[in-house]
């Protein structure tokens, strides 16, 4: 997939056998690691930041059980020699994973997502402890994939992906904005006329029984609801004539921002590949200046057109 870009992907299990000396040192330095993480946590807390890693629960190794499960090492002294001789049976946690990677691969810069940026804010004392240079930290760009069909829908109703990400997009409002002005005006006129026409009946009922006033309001509201439903159906039919699907408008938020989270946090690469293929990967833009980040919207073709 990345052969033409010269990008080399390395699985952790490939380099883990080289980590014996580092793992043995980690297991022999639990107090120093806890102190370093505690120092970072106190500094971040004093500056008003949240603490992304619990210094009392991170900064250690996991051992692999016979069935492949990762079990946190609770008593380091029992594992120092074993980790040095067989590092393939161990795995670092979130605090030590970057230290391992940068100790094995001299790294100029790390391009990181939001959560990883938070982790790295705590790791400077650990890099000093393990005498490993901490790389420059660059926030990665983000991207939302949008089919050409959905991009066209948003354009037709005068909305953008930013509206969906910001939570200001409403499918019903978007549908009305694209509907025939004459149709909307006719319904607004008739709804007002209906309410007005029922007014004299209310005046007649009040002297007979004050309780009938509440029933009048209920009846008027039900009539209004029925007219609203008719209007919704009329708007959907009107838009369908010009190729705009109200049902697709309602699905847009789930497509662009599934479960209220960025696509990358919910949908896997397999989902994107099955839906759109993979040629779009090579069309992603690269910022002209490293460190300048942006959220890109990429319109892609696929099985849905």
C-alpha atoms as a PDB file:
ATOM      1  CA  UNK A   1       0.000   0.000   0.000  1.00  0.00           C
ATOM      2  CA  UNK A   2       2.850   2.417   0.800  1.00  0.00           C
ATOM      3  CA  UNK A   3       5.534   0.905  -1.414  1.00  0.00           C
ATOM      4  CA  UNK A   4       5.814   4.005  -3.590  1.00  0.00           C
ATOM      5  CA  UNK A   5       6.083   6.319  -0.565  1.00  0.00           C
ATOM      6  CA  UNK A   6       9.012   4.492   1.026  1.00  0.00           C
ATOM      7  CA  UNK A   7       7.124   4.144   4.295  1.00  0.00           C
ATOM      8  CA  UNK A   8       8.248   1.214   6.439  1.00  0.00           C
ATOM      9  CA  UNK A   9       5.761  -0.193   8.940  1.00  0.00           C
ATOM     10  CA  UNK A  10       7.190  -1.995  11.971  1.00  0.00           C
ATOM     11  CA  UNK A  11       5.142  -4.266  14.209  1.00  0.00           C
ATOM     12  CA  UNK A  12       6.143  -4.081  17.905  1.00  0.00           C
ATOM     13  CA  UNK A  13       6.660  -7.847  18.075  1.00  0.00           C
ATOM     14  CA  UNK A  14       9.386  -7.486  15.424  1.00  0.00           C
ATOM     15  CA  UNK A  15      11.611  -5.275  17.588  1.00  0.00           C
ATOM     16  CA  UNK A  16      10.614  -6.534  21.050  1.00  0.00           C
ATOM     17  CA  UNK A  17      13.430  -9.164  21.089  1.00  0.00           C
ATOM     18  CA  UNK A  18      15.931  -6.263  20.971  1.00  0.00           C
ATOM     19  CA  UNK A  19      14.522  -4.665  24.127  1.00  0.00           C
ATOM     20  CA  UNK A  20      16.055  -6.970  26.753  1.00  0.00           C
ATOM     21  CA  UNK A  21      18.466  -4.433  28.287  1.00  0.00           C
ATOM     22  CA  UNK A  22      15.794  -1.713  28.379  1.00  0.00           C
ATOM     23  CA  UNK A  23      13.168  -3.999  29.911  1.00  0.00           C
ATOM     24  CA  UNK A  24      15.595  -5.165  32.599  1.00  0.00           C
ATOM     25  CA  UNK A  25      16.420  -1.548  33.410  1.00  0.00           C
ATOM     26  CA  UNK A  26      12.721  -0.646  33.581  1.00  0.00           C
ATOM     27  CA  UNK A  27      12.067  -3.453  36.051  1.00  0.00           C
ATOM     28  CA  UNK A  28      15.008  -2.316  38.170  1.00  0.00           C
ATOM     29  CA  UNK A  29      13.924   1.350  38.189  1.00  0.00           C
ATOM     30  CA  UNK A  30      10.305   1.263  39.306  1.00  0.00           C
ATOM     31  CA  UNK A  31      10.783   3.862  42.056  1.00  0.00           C
ATOM     32  CA  UNK A  32      12.662   6.248  39.761  1.00  0.00           C
ATOM     33  CA  UNK A  33       9.997   5.849  37.050  1.00  0.00           C
ATOM     34  CA  UNK A  34       7.193   6.560  39.541  1.00  0.00           C
ATOM     35  CA  UNK A  35       9.048   9.655  40.785  1.00  0.00           C
ATOM     36  CA  UNK A  36       9.589  10.939  37.220  1.00  0.00           C
ATOM     37  CA  UNK A  37       5.933  10.493  36.286  1.00  0.00           C
ATOM     38  CA  UNK A  38       4.851  12.057  39.577  1.00  0.00           C
ATOM     39  CA  UNK A  39       7.057  15.073  38.838  1.00  0.00           C
ATOM     40  CA  UNK A  40       5.384  15.545  35.450  1.00  0.00           C
ATOM     41  CA  UNK A  41       1.891  15.082  36.884  1.00  0.00           C
ATOM     42  CA  UNK A  42       2.499  17.738  39.538  1.00  0.00           C
ATOM     43  CA  UNK A  43       3.872  20.185  36.953  1.00  0.00           C
ATOM     44  CA  UNK A  44       0.895  19.674  34.619  1.00  0.00           C
ATOM     45  CA  UNK A  45      -1.589  19.932  37.473  1.00  0.00           C
ATOM     46  CA  UNK A  46       0.024  23.173  38.673  1.00  0.00           C
ATOM     47  CA  UNK A  47      -0.258  24.600  35.145  1.00  0.00           C
ATOM     48  CA  UNK A  48      -3.978  23.787  35.020  1.00  0.00           C
ATOM     49  CA  UNK A  49      -3.817  20.733  32.731  1.00  0.00           C
ATOM     50  CA  UNK A  50      -5.507  17.370  33.102  1.00  0.00           C
ATOM     51  CA  UNK A  51      -3.280  14.408  33.923  1.00  0.00           C
ATOM     52  CA  UNK A  52      -3.432  11.961  30.967  1.00  0.00           C
ATOM     53  CA  UNK A  53      -1.602   9.128  32.751  1.00  0.00           C
ATOM     54  CA  UNK A  54      -1.984   8.021  36.356  1.00  0.00           C
ATOM     55  CA  UNK A  55       1.595   8.036  37.723  1.00  0.00           C
ATOM     56  CA  UNK A  56       0.628   5.352  40.248  1.00  0.00           C
ATOM     57  CA  UNK A  57      -0.718   2.956  37.620  1.00  0.00           C
ATOM     58  CA  UNK A  58       1.625   3.397  34.625  1.00  0.00           C
ATOM     59  CA  UNK A  59       5.305   3.158  33.847  1.00  0.00           C
ATOM     60  CA  UNK A  60       5.688  -0.616  33.868  1.00  0.00           C
ATOM     61  CA  UNK A  61       5.638  -3.764  31.776  1.00  0.00           C
ATOM     62  CA  UNK A  62       3.115  -6.437  30.910  1.00  0.00           C
ATOM     63  CA  UNK A  63       4.020 -10.126  30.695  1.00  0.00           C
ATOM     64  CA  UNK A  64       2.319 -12.367  28.149  1.00  0.00           C
ATOM     65  CA  UNK A  65       0.514 -15.362  29.584  1.00  0.00           C
ATOM     66  CA  UNK A  66       0.485 -18.743  27.828  1.00  0.00           C
ATOM     67  CA  UNK A  67      -2.821 -17.891  26.145  1.00  0.00           C
ATOM     68  CA  UNK A  68      -1.502 -14.539  24.903  1.00  0.00           C
ATOM     69  CA  UNK A  69      -3.127 -12.246  27.489  1.00  0.00           C
ATOM     70  CA  UNK A  70      -1.170  -9.276  28.804  1.00  0.00           C
ATOM     71  CA  UNK A  71      -0.787  -9.318  32.602  1.00  0.00           C
ATOM     72  CA  UNK A  72       0.770  -6.349  34.388  1.00  0.00           C
ATOM     73  CA  UNK A  73       4.009  -7.187  36.188  1.00  0.00           C
ATOM     74  CA  UNK A  74       3.341  -6.552  39.884  1.00  0.00           C
ATOM     75  CA  UNK A  75       6.641  -7.760  41.403  1.00  0.00           C
ATOM     76  CA  UNK A  76       9.468  -6.532  39.139  1.00  0.00           C
ATOM     77  CA  UNK A  77      12.244  -8.357  41.001  1.00  0.00           C
ATOM     78  CA  UNK A  78      10.905 -11.721  39.814  1.00  0.00           C
ATOM     79  CA  UNK A  79      11.099 -10.681  36.168  1.00  0.00           C
ATOM     80  CA  UNK A  80      14.381  -8.763  35.708  1.00  0.00           C
ATOM     81  CA  UNK A  81      16.474 -11.720  34.523  1.00  0.00           C
ATOM     82  CA  UNK A  82      13.618 -13.253  32.532  1.00  0.00           C
ATOM     83  CA  UNK A  83      12.927  -9.977  30.708  1.00  0.00           C
ATOM     84  CA  UNK A  84      16.602  -9.549  29.895  1.00  0.00           C
ATOM     85  CA  UNK A  85      16.850 -13.072  28.475  1.00  0.00           C
ATOM     86  CA  UNK A  86      13.432 -13.244  26.811  1.00  0.00           C
ATOM     87  CA  UNK A  87      12.119  -9.736  26.085  1.00  0.00           C
ATOM     88  CA  UNK A  88       9.673 -11.127  23.525  1.00  0.00           C
ATOM     89  CA  UNK A  89       7.501 -12.220  26.424  1.00  0.00           C
ATOM     90  CA  UNK A  90       7.005  -8.658  27.663  1.00  0.00           C
ATOM     91  CA  UNK A  91       5.341  -5.477  26.469  1.00  0.00           C
ATOM     92  CA  UNK A  92       5.611  -1.857  27.728  1.00  0.00           C
ATOM     93  CA  UNK A  93       2.574   0.144  28.790  1.00  0.00           C
ATOM     94  CA  UNK A  94       1.490   3.528  27.362  1.00  0.00           C
ATOM     95  CA  UNK A  95       4.091   5.520  29.306  1.00  0.00           C
ATOM     96  CA  UNK A  96       7.046   3.369  28.233  1.00  0.00           C
ATOM     97  CA  UNK A  97       6.042   2.486  24.674  1.00  0.00           C
ATOM     98  CA  UNK A  98       7.430   5.760  23.231  1.00  0.00           C
ATOM     99  CA  UNK A  99      10.649   5.323  25.235  1.00  0.00           C
ATOM    100  CA  UNK A 100      11.151   1.856  23.708  1.00  0.00           C
ATOM    101  CA  UNK A 101      10.458   3.065  20.176  1.00  0.00           C
ATOM    102  CA  UNK A 102      12.808   6.053  20.427  1.00  0.00           C
ATOM    103  CA  UNK A 103      15.531   4.026  22.141  1.00  0.00           C
ATOM    104  CA  UNK A 104      15.525   1.500  19.291  1.00  0.00           C
ATOM    105  CA  UNK A 105      14.962   3.979  16.428  1.00  0.00           C
ATOM    106  CA  UNK A 106      16.692   7.373  16.761  1.00  0.00           C
ATOM    107  CA  UNK A 107      13.728   9.641  16.059  1.00  0.00           C
ATOM    108  CA  UNK A 108      13.736  13.223  14.767  1.00  0.00           C
ATOM    109  CA  UNK A 109      10.017  13.864  15.181  1.00  0.00           C
ATOM    110  CA  UNK A 110       6.881  12.045  16.274  1.00  0.00           C
ATOM    111  CA  UNK A 111       3.554  12.846  14.596  1.00  0.00           C
ATOM    112  CA  UNK A 112       0.893  12.192  17.205  1.00  0.00           C
ATOM    113  CA  UNK A 113      -2.849  12.267  17.749  1.00  0.00           C
ATOM    114  CA  UNK A 114      -4.594  14.127  20.595  1.00  0.00           C
ATOM    115  CA  UNK A 115      -4.314  11.382  23.230  1.00  0.00           C
ATOM    116  CA  UNK A 116      -0.658  10.662  22.436  1.00  0.00           C
ATOM    117  CA  UNK A 117       0.143  14.374  22.686  1.00  0.00           C
ATOM    118  CA  UNK A 118      -1.202  14.290  26.224  1.00  0.00           C
ATOM    119  CA  UNK A 119       0.941  11.267  27.079  1.00  0.00           C
ATOM    120  CA  UNK A 120       4.113  12.874  25.746  1.00  0.00           C
ATOM    121  CA  UNK A 121       3.535  15.944  27.902  1.00  0.00           C
ATOM    122  CA  UNK A 122       4.348  13.702  30.871  1.00  0.00           C
ATOM    123  CA  UNK A 123       7.322  11.816  29.444  1.00  0.00           C
ATOM    124  CA  UNK A 124      10.207  14.301  29.451  1.00  0.00           C
ATOM    125  CA  UNK A 125      11.565  13.124  32.855  1.00  0.00           C
ATOM    126  CA  UNK A 126      11.364   9.517  31.639  1.00  0.00           C
ATOM    127  CA  UNK A 127      13.375  10.333  28.527  1.00  0.00           C
ATOM    128  CA  UNK A 128      16.004  11.907  30.797  1.00  0.00           C
ATOM    129  CA  UNK A 129      15.950   8.891  33.093  1.00  0.00           C
ATOM    130  CA  UNK A 130      16.610   6.488  30.213  1.00  0.00           C
ATOM    131  CA  UNK A 131      19.089   8.845  28.523  1.00  0.00           C
ATOM    132  CA  UNK A 132      17.072   8.911  25.312  1.00  0.00           C
ATOM    133  CA  UNK A 133      16.506  12.139  23.338  1.00  0.00           C
ATOM    134  CA  UNK A 134      12.843  13.078  23.211  1.00  0.00           C
ATOM    135  CA  UNK A 135      11.841  13.787  19.585  1.00  0.00           C
ATOM    136  CA  UNK A 136      10.089  16.887  18.357  1.00  0.00           C
ATOM    137  CA  UNK A 137       6.340  16.500  18.758  1.00  0.00           C
ATOM    138  CA  UNK A 138       4.087  17.384  15.828  1.00  0.00           C
ATOM    139  CA  UNK A 139       0.272  17.122  15.962  1.00  0.00           C
ATOM    140  CA  UNK A 140      -1.025  15.090  13.056  1.00  0.00           C
ATOM    141  CA  UNK A 141      -3.591  16.293  10.573  1.00  0.00           C
ATOM    142  CA  UNK A 142      -7.110  14.916  10.670  1.00  0.00           C
ATOM    143  CA  UNK A 143      -9.403  14.032   7.801  1.00  0.00           C
ATOM    144  CA  UNK A 144     -13.070  13.245   7.264  1.00  0.00           C
ATOM    145  CA  UNK A 145     -13.994  11.032   4.313  1.00  0.00           C
ATOM    146  CA  UNK A 146     -17.123  12.097   2.479  1.00  0.00           C
ATOM    147  CA  UNK A 147     -18.642  10.358  -0.525  1.00  0.00           C
ATOM    148  CA  UNK A 148     -19.314  12.518  -3.572  1.00  0.00           C
ATOM    149  CA  UNK A 149     -23.008  11.854  -3.060  1.00  0.00           C
ATOM    150  CA  UNK A 150     -22.979  13.212   0.492  1.00  0.00           C
ATOM    151  CA  UNK A 151     -20.760  16.133  -0.491  1.00  0.00           C
ATOM    152  CA  UNK A 152     -23.332  17.042  -3.150  1.00  0.00           C
ATOM    153  CA  UNK A 153     -26.169  16.756  -0.604  1.00  0.00           C
ATOM    154  CA  UNK A 154     -24.457  19.141   1.798  1.00  0.00           C
ATOM    155  CA  UNK A 155     -23.810  21.580  -1.016  1.00  0.00           C
ATOM    156  CA  UNK A 156     -27.451  21.447  -2.125  1.00  0.00           C
ATOM    157  CA  UNK A 157     -28.715  22.400   1.340  1.00  0.00           C
ATOM    158  CA  UNK A 158     -26.024  24.999   1.978  1.00  0.00           C
ATOM    159  CA  UNK A 159     -24.360  23.093   4.828  1.00  0.00           C
ATOM    160  CA  UNK A 160     -20.769  21.941   5.465  1.00  0.00           C
ATOM    161  CA  UNK A 161     -18.916  19.180   7.253  1.00  0.00           C
ATOM    162  CA  UNK A 162     -17.883  21.817   9.793  1.00  0.00           C
ATOM    163  CA  UNK A 163     -21.563  22.281  10.675  1.00  0.00           C
ATOM    164  CA  UNK A 164     -21.860  18.558  11.456  1.00  0.00           C
ATOM    165  CA  UNK A 165     -18.617  18.436  13.464  1.00  0.00           C
ATOM    166  CA  UNK A 166     -19.697  21.527  15.414  1.00  0.00           C
ATOM    167  CA  UNK A 167     -23.109  20.002  16.172  1.00  0.00           C
ATOM    168  CA  UNK A 168     -25.053  22.778  14.423  1.00  0.00           C
ATOM    169  CA  UNK A 169     -26.351  20.680  11.532  1.00  0.00           C
ATOM    170  CA  UNK A 170     -30.023  19.712  11.708  1.00  0.00           C
ATOM    171  CA  UNK A 171     -31.454  17.516   8.939  1.00  0.00           C
ATOM    172  CA  UNK A 172     -34.980  18.945   9.176  1.00  0.00           C
ATOM    173  CA  UNK A 173     -33.724  22.529   9.005  1.00  0.00           C
ATOM    174  CA  UNK A 174     -31.433  21.627   6.109  1.00  0.00           C
ATOM    175  CA  UNK A 175     -34.349  20.031   4.233  1.00  0.00           C
ATOM    176  CA  UNK A 176     -36.526  23.111   4.697  1.00  0.00           C
ATOM    177  CA  UNK A 177     -33.728  25.360   3.451  1.00  0.00           C
ATOM    178  CA  UNK A 178     -33.686  23.431   0.152  1.00  0.00           C
ATOM    179  CA  UNK A 179     -37.465  23.095  -0.254  1.00  0.00           C
ATOM    180  CA  UNK A 180     -39.603  25.191  -2.571  1.00  0.00           C
ATOM    181  CA  UNK A 181     -40.271  28.641  -1.017  1.00  0.00           C
ATOM    182  CA  UNK A 182     -43.762  28.575  -2.515  1.00  0.00           C
ATOM    183  CA  UNK A 183     -44.510  25.247  -0.807  1.00  0.00           C
ATOM    184  CA  UNK A 184     -43.278  26.489   2.580  1.00  0.00           C
ATOM    185  CA  UNK A 185     -45.228  29.736   2.238  1.00  0.00           C
ATOM    186  CA  UNK A 186     -48.436  27.880   1.377  1.00  0.00           C
ATOM    187  CA  UNK A 187     -48.175  25.643   4.451  1.00  0.00           C
ATOM    188  CA  UNK A 188     -47.314  28.574   6.735  1.00  0.00           C
ATOM    189  CA  UNK A 189     -50.372  30.448   5.435  1.00  0.00           C
ATOM    190  CA  UNK A 190     -52.731  27.497   5.874  1.00  0.00           C
ATOM    191  CA  UNK A 191     -51.447  26.652   9.369  1.00  0.00           C
ATOM    192  CA  UNK A 192     -52.051  30.210  10.484  1.00  0.00           C
ATOM    193  CA  UNK A 193     -55.497  30.186   8.877  1.00  0.00           C
ATOM    194  CA  UNK A 194     -56.436  26.920  10.585  1.00  0.00           C
ATOM    195  CA  UNK A 195     -55.563  28.284  14.023  1.00  0.00           C
ATOM    196  CA  UNK A 196     -57.508  31.452  13.290  1.00  0.00           C
ATOM    197  CA  UNK A 197     -60.543  29.535  12.046  1.00  0.00           C
ATOM    198  CA  UNK A 198     -60.703  27.560  15.299  1.00  0.00           C
ATOM    199  CA  UNK A 199     -60.674  30.724  17.435  1.00  0.00           C
ATOM    200  CA  UNK A 200     -64.452  31.410  17.366  1.00  0.00           C
ATOM    201  CA  UNK A 201     -65.122  27.843  18.465  1.00  0.00           C
ATOM    202  CA  UNK A 202     -62.972  28.386  21.535  1.00  0.00           C
ATOM    203  CA  UNK A 203     -64.911  31.562  22.374  1.00  0.00           C
ATOM    204  CA  UNK A 204     -68.172  29.621  22.158  1.00  0.00           C
ATOM    205  CA  UNK A 205     -66.943  26.745  24.381  1.00  0.00           C
ATOM    206  CA  UNK A 206     -65.493  28.755  27.287  1.00  0.00           C
ATOM    207  CA  UNK A 207     -68.886  29.876  28.768  1.00  0.00           C
ATOM    208  CA  UNK A 208     -70.300  26.360  28.461  1.00  0.00           C
ATOM    209  CA  UNK A 209     -67.534  24.584  30.387  1.00  0.00           C
ATOM    210  CA  UNK A 210     -64.112  26.029  31.350  1.00  0.00           C
ATOM    211  CA  UNK A 211     -62.683  22.508  31.052  1.00  0.00           C
ATOM    212  CA  UNK A 212     -63.427  22.503  27.321  1.00  0.00           C
ATOM    213  CA  UNK A 213     -60.736  25.128  26.799  1.00  0.00           C
ATOM    214  CA  UNK A 214     -58.035  22.546  27.534  1.00  0.00           C
ATOM    215  CA  UNK A 215     -59.712  20.098  25.148  1.00  0.00           C
ATOM    216  CA  UNK A 216     -59.818  22.829  22.486  1.00  0.00           C
ATOM    217  CA  UNK A 217     -56.066  23.381  22.830  1.00  0.00           C
ATOM    218  CA  UNK A 218     -55.423  19.651  22.567  1.00  0.00           C
ATOM    219  CA  UNK A 219     -57.539  19.427  19.426  1.00  0.00           C
ATOM    220  CA  UNK A 220     -55.853  22.448  17.854  1.00  0.00           C
ATOM    221  CA  UNK A 221     -52.404  20.994  18.655  1.00  0.00           C
ATOM    222  CA  UNK A 222     -53.309  17.618  17.132  1.00  0.00           C
ATOM    223  CA  UNK A 223     -54.566  19.272  13.967  1.00  0.00           C
ATOM    224  CA  UNK A 224     -51.318  21.260  13.846  1.00  0.00           C
ATOM    225  CA  UNK A 225     -49.247  18.092  14.280  1.00  0.00           C
ATOM    226  CA  UNK A 226     -51.063  16.395  11.412  1.00  0.00           C
ATOM    227  CA  UNK A 227     -50.439  19.388   9.161  1.00  0.00           C
ATOM    228  CA  UNK A 228     -46.755  19.402  10.226  1.00  0.00           C
ATOM    229  CA  UNK A 229     -46.439  15.744   9.238  1.00  0.00           C
ATOM    230  CA  UNK A 230     -48.086  16.459   5.904  1.00  0.00           C
ATOM    231  CA  UNK A 231     -45.639  19.310   5.391  1.00  0.00           C
ATOM    232  CA  UNK A 232     -42.672  17.029   6.142  1.00  0.00           C
ATOM    233  CA  UNK A 233     -43.922  14.497   3.589  1.00  0.00           C
ATOM    234  CA  UNK A 234     -44.496  17.264   1.052  1.00  0.00           C
ATOM    235  CA  UNK A 235     -40.979  18.654   1.596  1.00  0.00           C
ATOM    236  CA  UNK A 236     -39.461  15.167   1.184  1.00  0.00           C
ATOM    237  CA  UNK A 237     -41.403  14.611  -2.035  1.00  0.00           C
ATOM    238  CA  UNK A 238     -40.467  18.055  -3.320  1.00  0.00           C
ATOM    239  CA  UNK A 239     -36.756  17.451  -2.652  1.00  0.00           C
ATOM    240  CA  UNK A 240     -36.875  13.958  -4.133  1.00  0.00           C
ATOM    241  CA  UNK A 241     -37.924  15.457  -7.462  1.00  0.00           C
ATOM    242  CA  UNK A 242     -34.609  17.307  -7.535  1.00  0.00           C
ATOM    243  CA  UNK A 243     -32.547  14.323  -6.323  1.00  0.00           C
ATOM    244  CA  UNK A 244     -32.247  15.259  -2.636  1.00  0.00           C
ATOM    245  CA  UNK A 245     -33.070  12.474  -0.157  1.00  0.00           C
ATOM    246  CA  UNK A 246     -34.271  13.575   3.272  1.00  0.00           C
ATOM    247  CA  UNK A 247     -33.436  10.104   4.587  1.00  0.00           C
ATOM    248  CA  UNK A 248     -29.818  10.566   3.481  1.00  0.00           C
ATOM    249  CA  UNK A 249     -29.751  13.991   5.108  1.00  0.00           C
ATOM    250  CA  UNK A 250     -30.751  12.354   8.383  1.00  0.00           C
ATOM    251  CA  UNK A 251     -27.939   9.799   7.986  1.00  0.00           C
ATOM    252  CA  UNK A 252     -25.272  12.399   7.269  1.00  0.00           C
ATOM    253  CA  UNK A 253     -24.365  13.015  10.894  1.00  0.00           C
ATOM    254  CA  UNK A 254     -23.879   9.292  11.495  1.00  0.00           C
ATOM    255  CA  UNK A 255     -21.650   9.104   8.402  1.00  0.00           C
ATOM    256  CA  UNK A 256     -19.520  12.143   9.177  1.00  0.00           C
ATOM    257  CA  UNK A 257     -19.481  12.025  12.982  1.00  0.00           C
ATOM    258  CA  UNK A 258     -20.485   8.484  14.049  1.00  0.00           C
ATOM    259  CA  UNK A 259     -21.560   8.194  17.688  1.00  0.00           C
ATOM    260  CA  UNK A 260     -20.522  11.817  18.151  1.00  0.00           C
ATOM    261  CA  UNK A 261     -16.843  11.001  17.573  1.00  0.00           C
ATOM    262  CA  UNK A 262     -14.367  11.495  14.689  1.00  0.00           C
ATOM    263  CA  UNK A 263     -14.533   8.798  12.007  1.00  0.00           C
ATOM    264  CA  UNK A 264     -11.030   7.568  12.856  1.00  0.00           C
ATOM    265  CA  UNK A 265     -12.145   6.749  16.404  1.00  0.00           C
ATOM    266  CA  UNK A 266     -15.108   4.624  15.330  1.00  0.00           C
ATOM    267  CA  UNK A 267     -14.635   3.317  11.776  1.00  0.00           C
ATOM    268  CA  UNK A 268     -11.684   1.133  10.818  1.00  0.00           C
ATOM    269  CA  UNK A 269      -9.576   1.298   7.682  1.00  0.00           C
ATOM    270  CA  UNK A 270     -11.397  -1.829   6.505  1.00  0.00           C
ATOM    271  CA  UNK A 271     -14.663   0.124   6.535  1.00  0.00           C
ATOM    272  CA  UNK A 272     -13.142   2.889   4.413  1.00  0.00           C
ATOM    273  CA  UNK A 273     -11.518   0.379   2.030  1.00  0.00           C
ATOM    274  CA  UNK A 274     -14.771  -1.529   1.522  1.00  0.00           C
ATOM    275  CA  UNK A 275     -16.718   1.683   1.002  1.00  0.00           C
ATOM    276  CA  UNK A 276     -14.311   3.836  -0.987  1.00  0.00           C
ATOM    277  CA  UNK A 277     -11.299   1.752  -1.992  1.00  0.00           C
ATOM    278  CA  UNK A 278      -7.811   2.953  -0.990  1.00  0.00           C
ATOM    279  CA  UNK A 279      -6.698   5.283  -3.775  1.00  0.00           C
ATOM    280  CA  UNK A 280      -7.771   8.267  -1.647  1.00  0.00           C
ATOM    281  CA  UNK A 281      -4.846   7.603   0.723  1.00  0.00           C
ATOM    282  CA  UNK A 282      -2.464   8.916  -1.914  1.00  0.00           C
ATOM    283  CA  UNK A 283      -4.549  12.055  -2.441  1.00  0.00           C
ATOM    284  CA  UNK A 284      -4.227  13.279   1.134  1.00  0.00           C
ATOM    285  CA  UNK A 285      -2.564  16.666   1.273  1.00  0.00           C
ATOM    286  CA  UNK A 286       0.654  17.344   3.133  1.00  0.00           C
ATOM    287  CA  UNK A 287       0.970  20.707   4.898  1.00  0.00           C
ATOM    288  CA  UNK A 288       3.570  22.981   3.336  1.00  0.00           C
ATOM    289  CA  UNK A 289       5.096  23.710   6.739  1.00  0.00           C
ATOM    290  CA  UNK A 290       5.600  20.940   9.335  1.00  0.00           C
ATOM    291  CA  UNK A 291       3.622  21.705  12.454  1.00  0.00           C
ATOM    292  CA  UNK A 292       0.809  23.464  10.592  1.00  0.00           C
ATOM    293  CA  UNK A 293      -2.185  21.247  11.240  1.00  0.00           C
ATOM    294  CA  UNK A 294      -5.589  21.166   9.618  1.00  0.00           C
ATOM    295  CA  UNK A 295      -8.735  19.069   9.411  1.00  0.00           C
ATOM    296  CA  UNK A 296      -9.186  18.003   5.805  1.00  0.00           C
ATOM    297  CA  UNK A 297     -12.420  16.912   4.170  1.00  0.00           C
ATOM    298  CA  UNK A 298     -11.775  14.457   1.364  1.00  0.00           C
ATOM    299  CA  UNK A 299     -14.523  13.674  -1.129  1.00  0.00           C
ATOM    300  CA  UNK A 300     -14.043  10.115  -2.333  1.00  0.00           C
ATOM    301  CA  UNK A 301     -15.758   7.827  -4.793  1.00  0.00           C
ATOM    302  CA  UNK A 302     -16.885   4.335  -3.951  1.00  0.00           C
ATOM    303  CA  UNK A 303     -19.619   1.766  -4.106  1.00  0.00           C
ATOM    304  CA  UNK A 304     -22.300   4.367  -3.345  1.00  0.00           C
ATOM    305  CA  UNK A 305     -21.121   6.742  -6.112  1.00  0.00           C
END
